[in-house]
Amino acid sequence: MLTVLPIRYVADVDACRRFYEGLGLTYRADASVPVWAHLDAAAGGVGIHDAAVSKGRSPGTVELGFSTDERLDDVSAHLTAHGYEHTLVDEDFGRSIRVTDPDGVVLQIQEIDPETVRRSQSRL
């Protein structure tokens, strides 16, 4: 199942995490590190990412993403079966699929591995 997970690139992860918690989202410490805060809502979530370590995204940038609890290889097979061109990418947090919508917007489908996130964080 895919969960909508827009990613906010920010200058201050803690300040933004507190802001979104104040709106009623729930902080997931188990899926977060100092440069990434994962927050859940009743119908989706939001990721808050430190722009300084985001490989070129500036504060205020928003990326449409989805997280999945399915194996990314299965998601990839589904996309292939439906004729969607896509790319599997090894990320600092695990793996993702990049697929482009009809307007040219690149979407990200993430398979987030908390242990990989922690190892990546320790290298920063």
N, C-alpha and C. Protein backbone atom coordinates (compact mmCIF):
# COMPACT_ATOMS: atom_id res chain seq x y z
N MET A 1 0.84 -1.17 0.00
CA MET A 1 0.00 0.00 0.00
C MET A 1 0.89 1.24 0.00
N LEU A 2 0.55 2.21 -0.83
CA LEU A 2 1.28 3.47 -0.86
C LEU A 2 0.65 4.46 0.10
N THR A 3 1.50 5.22 0.76
CA THR A 3 1.07 6.29 1.64
C THR A 3 1.63 7.59 1.08
N VAL A 4 0.79 8.58 0.94
CA VAL A 4 1.25 9.88 0.45
C VAL A 4 2.22 10.46 1.48
N LEU A 5 3.40 10.87 1.02
CA LEU A 5 4.41 11.40 1.92
C LEU A 5 5.15 12.54 1.25
N PRO A 6 4.55 13.74 1.21
CA PRO A 6 5.29 14.87 0.67
C PRO A 6 6.51 15.15 1.55
N ILE A 7 7.57 15.60 0.92
CA ILE A 7 8.82 15.86 1.65
C ILE A 7 9.09 17.36 1.63
N ARG A 8 9.19 17.94 2.81
CA ARG A 8 9.49 19.38 2.96
C ARG A 8 10.97 19.51 3.25
N TYR A 9 11.69 20.23 2.42
CA TYR A 9 13.09 20.52 2.65
C TYR A 9 13.15 21.82 3.44
N VAL A 10 13.83 21.78 4.57
CA VAL A 10 13.76 22.89 5.53
C VAL A 10 15.14 23.29 6.03
N ALA A 11 15.22 24.47 6.61
CA ALA A 11 16.46 24.95 7.21
C ALA A 11 16.61 24.45 8.64
N ASP A 12 15.52 24.15 9.34
CA ASP A 12 15.56 23.73 10.74
C ASP A 12 14.56 22.59 10.96
N VAL A 13 15.07 21.36 10.97
CA VAL A 13 14.22 20.17 11.09
C VAL A 13 13.42 20.20 12.40
N ASP A 14 14.08 20.49 13.52
CA ASP A 14 13.38 20.47 14.81
C ASP A 14 12.25 21.49 14.89
N ALA A 15 12.50 22.69 14.41
CA ALA A 15 11.46 23.73 14.45
C ALA A 15 10.26 23.32 13.60
N CYS A 16 10.51 22.77 12.42
CA CYS A 16 9.41 22.35 11.55
C CYS A 16 8.70 21.13 12.12
N ARG A 17 9.46 20.21 12.72
CA ARG A 17 8.84 19.04 13.34
C ARG A 17 7.86 19.49 14.42
N ARG A 18 8.29 20.43 15.27
CA ARG A 18 7.41 20.93 16.34
C ARG A 18 6.18 21.62 15.76
N PHE A 19 6.37 22.37 14.67
CA PHE A 19 5.24 23.05 14.02
C PHE A 19 4.20 22.03 13.57
N TYR A 20 4.64 20.99 12.85
CA TYR A 20 3.69 20.00 12.33
C TYR A 20 3.09 19.15 13.45
N GLU A 21 3.86 18.91 14.50
CA GLU A 21 3.27 18.24 15.67
C GLU A 21 2.15 19.09 16.25
N GLY A 22 2.36 20.41 16.28
CA GLY A 22 1.34 21.32 16.79
C GLY A 22 0.08 21.30 15.95
N LEU A 23 0.22 20.95 14.66
CA LEU A 23 -0.96 20.83 13.80
C LEU A 23 -1.69 19.51 14.03
N GLY A 24 -1.07 18.59 14.79
CA GLY A 24 -1.73 17.33 15.09
C GLY A 24 -1.08 16.10 14.48
N LEU A 25 0.02 16.26 13.74
CA LEU A 25 0.71 15.10 13.20
C LEU A 25 1.50 14.42 14.31
N THR A 26 1.77 13.14 14.15
CA THR A 26 2.47 12.36 15.17
C THR A 26 3.91 12.08 14.71
N TYR A 27 4.86 12.50 15.53
CA TYR A 27 6.28 12.29 15.25
C TYR A 27 6.64 10.83 15.46
N ARG A 28 7.33 10.24 14.49
CA ARG A 28 7.78 8.84 14.59
C ARG A 28 9.28 8.81 14.82
N ALA A 29 9.67 8.75 16.08
CA ALA A 29 11.10 8.73 16.43
C ALA A 29 11.80 7.52 15.83
N ASP A 30 11.10 6.38 15.72
CA ASP A 30 11.71 5.17 15.20
C ASP A 30 12.10 5.29 13.73
N ALA A 31 11.50 6.21 13.00
CA ALA A 31 11.78 6.39 11.57
C ALA A 31 12.47 7.72 11.29
N SER A 32 13.04 8.34 12.33
CA SER A 32 13.62 9.67 12.19
C SER A 32 15.07 9.70 12.67
N VAL A 33 15.82 10.65 12.14
CA VAL A 33 17.19 10.93 12.55
C VAL A 33 17.32 12.46 12.56
N PRO A 34 18.43 13.01 13.03
CA PRO A 34 18.51 14.48 13.11
C PRO A 34 18.24 15.24 11.82
N VAL A 35 18.53 14.66 10.65
CA VAL A 35 18.30 15.39 9.40
C VAL A 35 16.98 15.01 8.72
N TRP A 36 16.20 14.14 9.35
CA TRP A 36 14.94 13.67 8.77
C TRP A 36 13.96 13.38 9.89
N ALA A 37 12.80 14.00 9.81
CA ALA A 37 11.73 13.71 10.78
C ALA A 37 10.54 13.16 10.01
N HIS A 38 10.06 12.01 10.44
CA HIS A 38 8.90 11.39 9.81
C HIS A 38 7.70 11.63 10.72
N LEU A 39 6.65 12.21 10.16
CA LEU A 39 5.43 12.49 10.92
C LEU A 39 4.25 11.84 10.20
N ASP A 40 3.36 11.23 10.97
CA ASP A 40 2.17 10.60 10.41
C ASP A 40 0.94 11.42 10.70
N ALA A 41 0.00 11.35 9.79
CA ALA A 41 -1.32 11.93 9.96
C ALA A 41 -2.33 10.80 9.77
N ALA A 42 -3.56 11.05 10.06
CA ALA A 42 -4.58 10.02 9.91
C ALA A 42 -4.66 9.50 8.47
N ALA A 43 -4.37 10.34 7.51
CA ALA A 43 -4.47 9.95 6.11
C ALA A 43 -3.21 10.35 5.35
N GLY A 44 -2.07 9.86 5.77
CA GLY A 44 -0.82 10.17 5.09
C GLY A 44 0.22 10.60 6.09
N GLY A 45 1.11 11.43 5.66
CA GLY A 45 2.18 11.90 6.52
C GLY A 45 2.95 12.99 5.83
N VAL A 46 4.02 13.41 6.46
CA VAL A 46 4.93 14.40 5.87
C VAL A 46 6.33 14.06 6.35
N GLY A 47 7.29 14.20 5.46
CA GLY A 47 8.69 14.05 5.81
C GLY A 47 9.33 15.42 5.86
N ILE A 48 10.13 15.67 6.86
CA ILE A 48 10.84 16.94 6.99
C ILE A 48 12.33 16.64 6.86
N HIS A 49 12.96 17.20 5.84
CA HIS A 49 14.33 16.86 5.49
C HIS A 49 15.21 18.10 5.59
N ASP A 50 16.36 17.98 6.21
CA ASP A 50 17.32 19.08 6.30
C ASP A 50 17.83 19.40 4.90
N ALA A 51 17.53 20.58 4.41
CA ALA A 51 17.93 20.98 3.06
C ALA A 51 19.44 20.99 2.90
N ALA A 52 20.17 21.24 3.97
CA ALA A 52 21.62 21.34 3.89
C ALA A 52 22.28 20.02 3.47
N VAL A 53 21.63 18.90 3.70
CA VAL A 53 22.20 17.59 3.34
C VAL A 53 21.34 16.89 2.28
N SER A 54 20.57 17.65 1.53
CA SER A 54 19.59 17.07 0.61
C SER A 54 20.08 16.93 -0.83
N LYS A 55 21.32 17.17 -1.07
CA LYS A 55 21.89 17.07 -2.41
C LYS A 55 21.26 18.07 -3.38
N GLY A 56 21.18 19.33 -2.93
CA GLY A 56 20.82 20.40 -3.84
C GLY A 56 19.44 21.02 -3.70
N ARG A 57 18.62 20.55 -2.80
CA ARG A 57 17.29 21.16 -2.66
C ARG A 57 17.37 22.29 -1.64
N SER A 58 16.72 23.40 -1.95
CA SER A 58 16.77 24.55 -1.06
C SER A 58 15.60 24.53 -0.08
N PRO A 59 15.74 25.23 1.08
CA PRO A 59 14.63 25.32 2.02
C PRO A 59 13.38 25.84 1.31
N GLY A 60 12.25 25.23 1.59
CA GLY A 60 10.99 25.60 0.97
C GLY A 60 10.59 24.70 -0.17
N THR A 61 11.52 23.88 -0.67
CA THR A 61 11.20 22.95 -1.74
C THR A 61 10.30 21.84 -1.20
N VAL A 62 9.33 21.44 -2.01
CA VAL A 62 8.46 20.32 -1.64
C VAL A 62 8.51 19.30 -2.77
N GLU A 63 8.64 18.05 -2.42
CA GLU A 63 8.70 16.96 -3.38
C GLU A 63 7.54 16.00 -3.09
N LEU A 64 6.80 15.62 -4.12
CA LEU A 64 5.72 14.67 -3.91
C LEU A 64 6.31 13.28 -3.85
N GLY A 65 6.09 12.63 -2.73
CA GLY A 65 6.61 11.29 -2.55
C GLY A 65 5.55 10.38 -1.96
N PHE A 66 5.84 9.10 -2.03
CA PHE A 66 5.00 8.07 -1.43
C PHE A 66 5.92 7.11 -0.71
N SER A 67 5.50 6.63 0.43
CA SER A 67 6.22 5.54 1.07
C SER A 67 5.41 4.28 0.85
N THR A 68 6.06 3.14 0.88
CA THR A 68 5.38 1.88 0.64
C THR A 68 5.81 0.84 1.65
N ASP A 69 4.88 -0.02 2.00
CA ASP A 69 5.23 -1.16 2.85
C ASP A 69 5.41 -2.42 2.00
N GLU A 70 5.28 -2.28 0.67
CA GLU A 70 5.53 -3.38 -0.24
C GLU A 70 7.02 -3.41 -0.60
N ARG A 71 7.49 -4.58 -1.04
CA ARG A 71 8.85 -4.66 -1.55
C ARG A 71 8.95 -3.78 -2.79
N LEU A 72 10.00 -3.00 -2.89
CA LEU A 72 10.14 -2.09 -4.01
C LEU A 72 10.25 -2.85 -5.34
N ASP A 73 10.80 -4.05 -5.30
CA ASP A 73 10.85 -4.86 -6.52
C ASP A 73 9.45 -5.20 -7.01
N ASP A 74 8.50 -5.43 -6.09
CA ASP A 74 7.12 -5.70 -6.47
C ASP A 74 6.46 -4.45 -7.06
N VAL A 75 6.74 -3.29 -6.46
CA VAL A 75 6.20 -2.03 -6.98
C VAL A 75 6.76 -1.80 -8.39
N SER A 76 8.05 -2.06 -8.57
CA SER A 76 8.69 -1.91 -9.87
C SER A 76 8.04 -2.81 -10.90
N ALA A 77 7.77 -4.05 -10.54
CA ALA A 77 7.12 -4.99 -11.46
C ALA A 77 5.73 -4.50 -11.84
N HIS A 78 5.00 -3.94 -10.87
CA HIS A 78 3.66 -3.40 -11.13
C HIS A 78 3.75 -2.24 -12.13
N LEU A 79 4.71 -1.34 -11.92
CA LEU A 79 4.87 -0.20 -12.82
C LEU A 79 5.22 -0.67 -14.23
N THR A 80 6.12 -1.64 -14.32
CA THR A 80 6.51 -2.19 -15.62
C THR A 80 5.32 -2.81 -16.32
N ALA A 81 4.52 -3.57 -15.58
CA ALA A 81 3.34 -4.23 -16.16
C ALA A 81 2.34 -3.22 -16.71
N HIS A 82 2.33 -2.01 -16.13
CA HIS A 82 1.40 -0.98 -16.58
C HIS A 82 2.04 0.01 -17.55
N GLY A 83 3.26 -0.29 -17.98
CA GLY A 83 3.91 0.52 -19.00
C GLY A 83 4.58 1.79 -18.53
N TYR A 84 4.83 1.92 -17.21
CA TYR A 84 5.47 3.11 -16.68
C TYR A 84 6.99 2.95 -16.68
N GLU A 85 7.68 3.86 -17.36
CA GLU A 85 9.13 3.87 -17.27
C GLU A 85 9.51 4.43 -15.92
N HIS A 86 10.50 3.83 -15.29
CA HIS A 86 10.92 4.26 -13.96
C HIS A 86 12.35 3.82 -13.71
N THR A 87 12.92 4.36 -12.65
CA THR A 87 14.30 4.05 -12.27
C THR A 87 14.34 3.65 -10.81
N LEU A 88 15.01 2.56 -10.51
CA LEU A 88 15.29 2.17 -9.12
C LEU A 88 16.58 2.86 -8.70
N VAL A 89 16.55 3.51 -7.53
CA VAL A 89 17.70 4.30 -7.07
C VAL A 89 18.08 3.87 -5.66
N ASP A 90 19.38 3.61 -5.46
CA ASP A 90 19.88 3.38 -4.10
C ASP A 90 20.03 4.74 -3.44
N GLU A 91 19.42 4.89 -2.27
CA GLU A 91 19.40 6.15 -1.55
C GLU A 91 20.11 5.99 -0.21
N ASP A 92 20.36 7.12 0.46
CA ASP A 92 20.95 7.08 1.79
C ASP A 92 20.01 6.43 2.80
N PHE A 93 18.70 6.42 2.52
CA PHE A 93 17.71 5.90 3.46
C PHE A 93 17.23 4.50 3.10
N GLY A 94 17.66 3.97 1.99
CA GLY A 94 17.17 2.68 1.49
C GLY A 94 17.15 2.74 -0.02
N ARG A 95 15.99 2.48 -0.61
CA ARG A 95 15.86 2.57 -2.07
C ARG A 95 14.60 3.35 -2.41
N SER A 96 14.57 3.84 -3.65
CA SER A 96 13.37 4.51 -4.13
C SER A 96 13.21 4.23 -5.61
N ILE A 97 12.01 4.50 -6.06
CA ILE A 97 11.70 4.48 -7.49
C ILE A 97 11.40 5.91 -7.88
N ARG A 98 11.94 6.32 -9.00
CA ARG A 98 11.64 7.63 -9.57
C ARG A 98 10.81 7.37 -10.83
N VAL A 99 9.65 7.99 -10.89
CA VAL A 99 8.76 7.85 -12.04
C VAL A 99 8.22 9.25 -12.37
N THR A 100 8.10 9.55 -13.65
CA THR A 100 7.70 10.88 -14.09
C THR A 100 6.24 10.89 -14.52
N ASP A 101 5.49 11.86 -13.99
CA ASP A 101 4.07 11.95 -14.35
C ASP A 101 3.90 12.64 -15.70
N PRO A 102 2.69 12.70 -16.25
CA PRO A 102 2.48 13.27 -17.58
C PRO A 102 2.90 14.73 -17.73
N ASP A 103 2.98 15.48 -16.64
CA ASP A 103 3.42 16.87 -16.70
C ASP A 103 4.93 17.02 -16.52
N GLY A 104 5.63 15.90 -16.39
CA GLY A 104 7.08 15.96 -16.23
C GLY A 104 7.56 16.08 -14.80
N VAL A 105 6.65 15.93 -13.83
CA VAL A 105 7.04 16.00 -12.43
C VAL A 105 7.53 14.62 -11.98
N VAL A 106 8.72 14.59 -11.41
CA VAL A 106 9.29 13.33 -10.94
C VAL A 106 8.72 13.02 -9.55
N LEU A 107 8.14 11.83 -9.42
CA LEU A 107 7.62 11.36 -8.14
C LEU A 107 8.59 10.33 -7.57
N GLN A 108 8.59 10.23 -6.27
CA GLN A 108 9.46 9.29 -5.58
C GLN A 108 8.59 8.32 -4.77
N ILE A 109 8.84 7.03 -4.95
CA ILE A 109 8.20 6.00 -4.12
C ILE A 109 9.31 5.39 -3.29
N GLN A 110 9.19 5.52 -1.97
CA GLN A 110 10.29 5.17 -1.07
C GLN A 110 10.06 3.87 -0.33
N GLU A 111 11.12 3.12 -0.23
CA GLU A 111 11.20 1.97 0.65
C GLU A 111 12.21 2.37 1.73
N ILE A 112 11.70 2.86 2.85
CA ILE A 112 12.57 3.41 3.89
C ILE A 112 12.96 2.29 4.85
N ASP A 113 14.27 2.10 5.00
CA ASP A 113 14.81 1.12 5.93
C ASP A 113 15.42 1.88 7.11
N PRO A 114 14.77 1.84 8.29
CA PRO A 114 15.27 2.61 9.43
C PRO A 114 16.74 2.34 9.77
N GLU A 115 17.20 1.12 9.62
CA GLU A 115 18.60 0.82 9.93
C GLU A 115 19.54 1.50 8.94
N THR A 116 19.17 1.51 7.66
CA THR A 116 19.97 2.20 6.64
C THR A 116 19.99 3.70 6.92
N VAL A 117 18.86 4.25 7.34
CA VAL A 117 18.79 5.68 7.69
C VAL A 117 19.77 5.99 8.81
N ARG A 118 19.79 5.17 9.84
CA ARG A 118 20.69 5.40 10.98
C ARG A 118 22.17 5.32 10.56
N ARG A 119 22.51 4.32 9.74
CA ARG A 119 23.89 4.20 9.26
C ARG A 119 24.28 5.42 8.43
N SER A 120 23.38 5.87 7.59
CA SER A 120 23.64 7.03 6.76
C SER A 120 23.84 8.27 7.61
N GLN A 121 23.02 8.43 8.62
CA GLN A 121 23.11 9.58 9.53
C GLN A 121 24.47 9.61 10.23
N SER A 122 24.98 8.45 10.59
CA SER A 122 26.25 8.41 11.33
C SER A 122 27.42 8.85 10.45
N ARG A 123 27.25 8.86 9.13
CA ARG A 123 28.32 9.30 8.21
C ARG A 123 28.29 10.80 7.98
N LEU A 124 27.25 11.49 8.43
CA LEU A 124 27.17 12.94 8.19
C LEU A 124 28.05 13.70 9.17
